[in-house]
Structures are given as C-alpha cells and as structure tokens.
Protein backbone atom coordinates (compact mmCIF):
# COMPACT_ATOMS: atom_id res chain seq x y z
CA UNK A 1 -0.79 -36.00 96.38
CA UNK A 2 -2.81 -39.17 96.93
CA UNK A 3 -5.43 -40.05 94.33
CA UNK A 4 -8.85 -40.54 95.89
CA UNK A 5 -11.84 -42.58 94.78
CA UNK A 6 -13.65 -39.60 93.31
CA UNK A 7 -10.79 -38.67 91.00
CA UNK A 8 -10.65 -42.33 89.94
CA UNK A 9 -14.31 -42.02 88.94
CA UNK A 10 -13.53 -38.86 86.96
CA UNK A 11 -10.72 -40.75 85.19
CA UNK A 12 -13.19 -43.52 84.31
CA UNK A 13 -15.39 -40.86 82.73
CA UNK A 14 -12.42 -39.46 80.77
CA UNK A 15 -11.58 -42.92 79.43
CA UNK A 16 -15.22 -43.46 78.51
CA UNK A 17 -15.14 -40.27 76.45
CA UNK A 18 -11.95 -41.35 74.70
CA UNK A 19 -13.48 -44.76 73.91
CA UNK A 20 -16.45 -42.94 72.32
CA UNK A 21 -14.10 -41.01 70.02
CA UNK A 22 -14.15 -37.86 72.12
CA UNK A 23 -11.73 -35.86 74.24
CA UNK A 24 -10.54 -37.65 77.40
CA UNK A 25 -11.69 -35.33 80.14
CA UNK A 26 -14.00 -36.50 82.92
CA UNK A 27 -15.72 -34.99 85.93
CA UNK A 28 -17.82 -35.95 88.92
CA UNK A 29 -19.82 -33.77 91.31
CA UNK A 30 -19.71 -34.94 94.92
CA UNK A 31 -22.06 -33.81 97.67
CA UNK A 32 -21.31 -34.88 101.21
CA UNK A 33 -19.25 -37.88 100.13
CA UNK A 34 -21.62 -39.15 97.42
CA UNK A 35 -21.43 -38.73 93.64
CA UNK A 36 -24.53 -36.89 92.45
CA UNK A 37 -23.42 -36.16 88.89
CA UNK A 38 -20.87 -37.46 86.43
CA UNK A 39 -19.91 -36.60 82.90
CA UNK A 40 -17.25 -36.48 80.24
CA UNK A 41 -16.42 -34.23 77.34
CA UNK A 42 -19.03 -35.02 74.67
CA UNK A 43 -18.51 -32.16 72.23
CA UNK A 44 -17.47 -34.53 69.45
CA UNK A 45 -20.01 -37.25 70.16
CA UNK A 46 -23.00 -34.86 70.26
CA UNK A 47 -21.67 -32.10 67.97
CA UNK A 48 -22.05 -29.76 70.94
CA UNK A 49 -20.42 -26.39 71.43
CA UNK A 50 -20.57 -26.58 75.23
CA UNK A 51 -20.48 -30.14 76.55
CA UNK A 52 -17.14 -30.06 78.28
CA UNK A 53 -16.82 -32.67 81.04
CA UNK A 54 -17.75 -30.25 83.82
CA UNK A 55 -20.78 -28.95 81.93
CA UNK A 56 -21.93 -32.51 81.15
CA UNK A 57 -21.47 -33.44 84.81
CA UNK A 58 -23.52 -30.46 86.04
CA UNK A 59 -26.21 -31.22 83.45
CA UNK A 60 -26.38 -34.84 84.62
CA UNK A 61 -26.62 -33.77 88.28
CA UNK A 62 -29.88 -31.99 87.43
CA UNK A 63 -31.28 -28.87 89.03
CA UNK A 64 -29.94 -28.29 92.49
CA UNK A 65 -30.64 -25.62 95.04
CA UNK A 66 -28.01 -23.00 95.81
CA UNK A 67 -27.34 -24.56 99.21
CA UNK A 68 -26.74 -27.95 97.59
CA UNK A 69 -24.02 -26.58 95.28
CA UNK A 70 -22.33 -24.98 98.28
CA UNK A 71 -21.94 -28.48 99.80
CA UNK A 72 -20.32 -29.91 96.65
CA UNK A 73 -16.85 -30.65 95.39
CA UNK A 74 -16.26 -30.85 91.64
CA UNK A 75 -13.58 -33.28 90.49
CA UNK A 76 -12.19 -32.82 86.99
CA UNK A 77 -9.30 -34.61 85.32
CA UNK A 78 -8.15 -31.30 83.82
CA UNK A 79 -8.06 -27.68 84.96
CA UNK A 80 -11.46 -26.17 84.05
CA UNK A 81 -11.58 -23.77 81.11
CA UNK A 82 -13.11 -20.26 81.36
CA UNK A 83 -16.61 -21.55 80.43
CA UNK A 84 -16.57 -24.32 83.04
CA UNK A 85 -14.99 -22.02 85.61
CA UNK A 86 -17.86 -19.62 85.00
CA UNK A 87 -20.35 -22.36 85.86
CA UNK A 88 -18.38 -23.19 89.01
CA UNK A 89 -18.53 -19.53 90.05
CA UNK A 90 -22.19 -19.12 89.06
CA UNK A 91 -23.28 -22.04 91.23
CA UNK A 92 -20.81 -21.17 93.99
CA UNK A 93 -19.17 -24.58 94.11
CA UNK A 94 -16.59 -23.99 96.83
CA UNK A 95 -13.98 -26.63 96.01
CA UNK A 96 -12.56 -28.07 92.79
CA UNK A 97 -10.09 -30.94 92.67
CA UNK A 98 -8.22 -31.22 89.37
CA UNK A 99 -6.20 -34.10 88.03
CA UNK A 100 -3.59 -31.91 86.37
CA UNK A 101 -2.96 -28.51 84.81
CA UNK A 102 0.27 -29.08 82.87
CA UNK A 103 -1.44 -29.74 79.53
CA UNK A 104 -3.97 -26.93 80.06
CA UNK A 105 -4.44 -24.35 82.79
CA UNK A 106 -7.75 -22.56 83.05
CA UNK A 107 -8.37 -19.37 85.05
CA UNK A 108 -7.46 -20.94 88.38
CA UNK A 109 -6.17 -17.70 89.88
CA UNK A 110 -9.43 -15.90 89.07
CA UNK A 111 -11.44 -18.71 90.67
CA UNK A 112 -9.25 -18.62 93.77
CA UNK A 113 -9.68 -14.86 94.06
CA UNK A 114 -13.46 -15.45 93.93
CA UNK A 115 -13.26 -17.90 96.84
CA UNK A 116 -12.94 -21.29 95.15
CA UNK A 117 -10.45 -23.66 96.75
CA UNK A 118 -8.57 -25.49 94.00
CA UNK A 119 -6.55 -28.61 94.72
CA UNK A 120 -4.25 -29.89 91.97
CA UNK A 121 -3.40 -33.59 92.34
CA UNK A 122 -0.84 -33.34 89.50
CA UNK A 123 -1.75 -36.89 88.48
CA UNK A 124 0.67 -38.62 86.12
CA UNK A 125 -2.24 -40.70 84.80
CA UNK A 126 -4.33 -37.65 83.94
CA UNK A 127 -1.31 -35.93 82.39
CA UNK A 128 -0.42 -38.92 80.21
CA UNK A 129 -4.01 -39.36 79.05
CA UNK A 130 -4.13 -35.75 77.85
CA UNK A 131 -0.54 -35.67 76.53
CA UNK A 132 -1.17 -38.68 74.29
CA UNK A 133 -4.49 -37.28 73.08
CA UNK A 134 -3.02 -33.85 72.27
CA UNK A 135 -0.13 -35.50 70.40
CA UNK A 136 -2.48 -37.72 68.37
CA UNK A 137 -5.26 -35.17 67.70
CA UNK A 138 -3.87 -31.64 68.00
CA UNK A 139 -6.52 -30.12 65.73
CA UNK A 140 -9.38 -31.50 67.77
CA UNK A 141 -7.70 -30.40 70.98
CA UNK A 142 -7.15 -26.87 69.70
CA UNK A 143 -10.81 -26.69 68.67
CA UNK A 144 -11.88 -27.76 72.15
CA UNK A 145 -9.88 -25.05 73.90
CA UNK A 146 -10.78 -22.35 71.37
CA UNK A 147 -7.43 -21.97 69.61
C-alpha cells in the first residue's frame, strides 16, 4: 500500500521519540484532511504509565466534541494496544491507519467488530524501526506492552 503524508508525519513523531530516548511509535490525528493532534510514545521521557503515542496524540489534540472525533482518522506507526484501542472506541474514531502489525498486533479484530475500519499499510520503514528497537531494548519494549 502507498504511504501517505499523514503516515509520514506519524513516522516523524516516532523518530522524535526515539531521539529523545523513548520508544519509536508515533501518531497523528487527522480531521477532514488536516492534522489536529500529534504525539509519540513518551512513557520513558515523562515516567508515564499511559503516554503511548496514540494517547499523547489525543491529549495534544485537546478536548473535542463527539462529532469531531467521528470525522477523524488516527494514524499510528504501530497497531494500537488494548489501552489505545479503548480510547479509539470511547471517542468513536471511525478509521485507524497503522504502519505495521508484525512486531505487535493489538486487538484489531475487536475494534473491527465494534465498527472501526483499520487499514494496515504494512510499512517496511515502520517495521524496521520497531524491529531494531525491540532487538536493542527488549526489556523496555516488554515493559511498554505489559509483558
């Protein structure tokens, strides 16, 4: 599948997180063709239990109305975990575009059954970014995914 400009922005966020000493996962929230929120995994940087990329992105988008979320697409470089998927379902974000799900696959089937359209770009760049990180810092990765 073709990589679009929004996934490229999510990848920039992932690389920013890696450069900060964190986990290389990035996300952007797009409403009607415009980025309204962006974020990256900042659990390490801020000693946070919950600041996965998607959560950081939603936080940075600020409070939105229910109808606004329904007009959004969330782009994430990695398949969202159960916590982030819960936020997607809570705010009724109808579409999620993921960079890859080979290094980690969240509850995609559950989200689909609840009406979320998930598009997997299966990006080699996203995969390599995560593969290298997991190889170099397996303990930190396992902590992030609750293993």
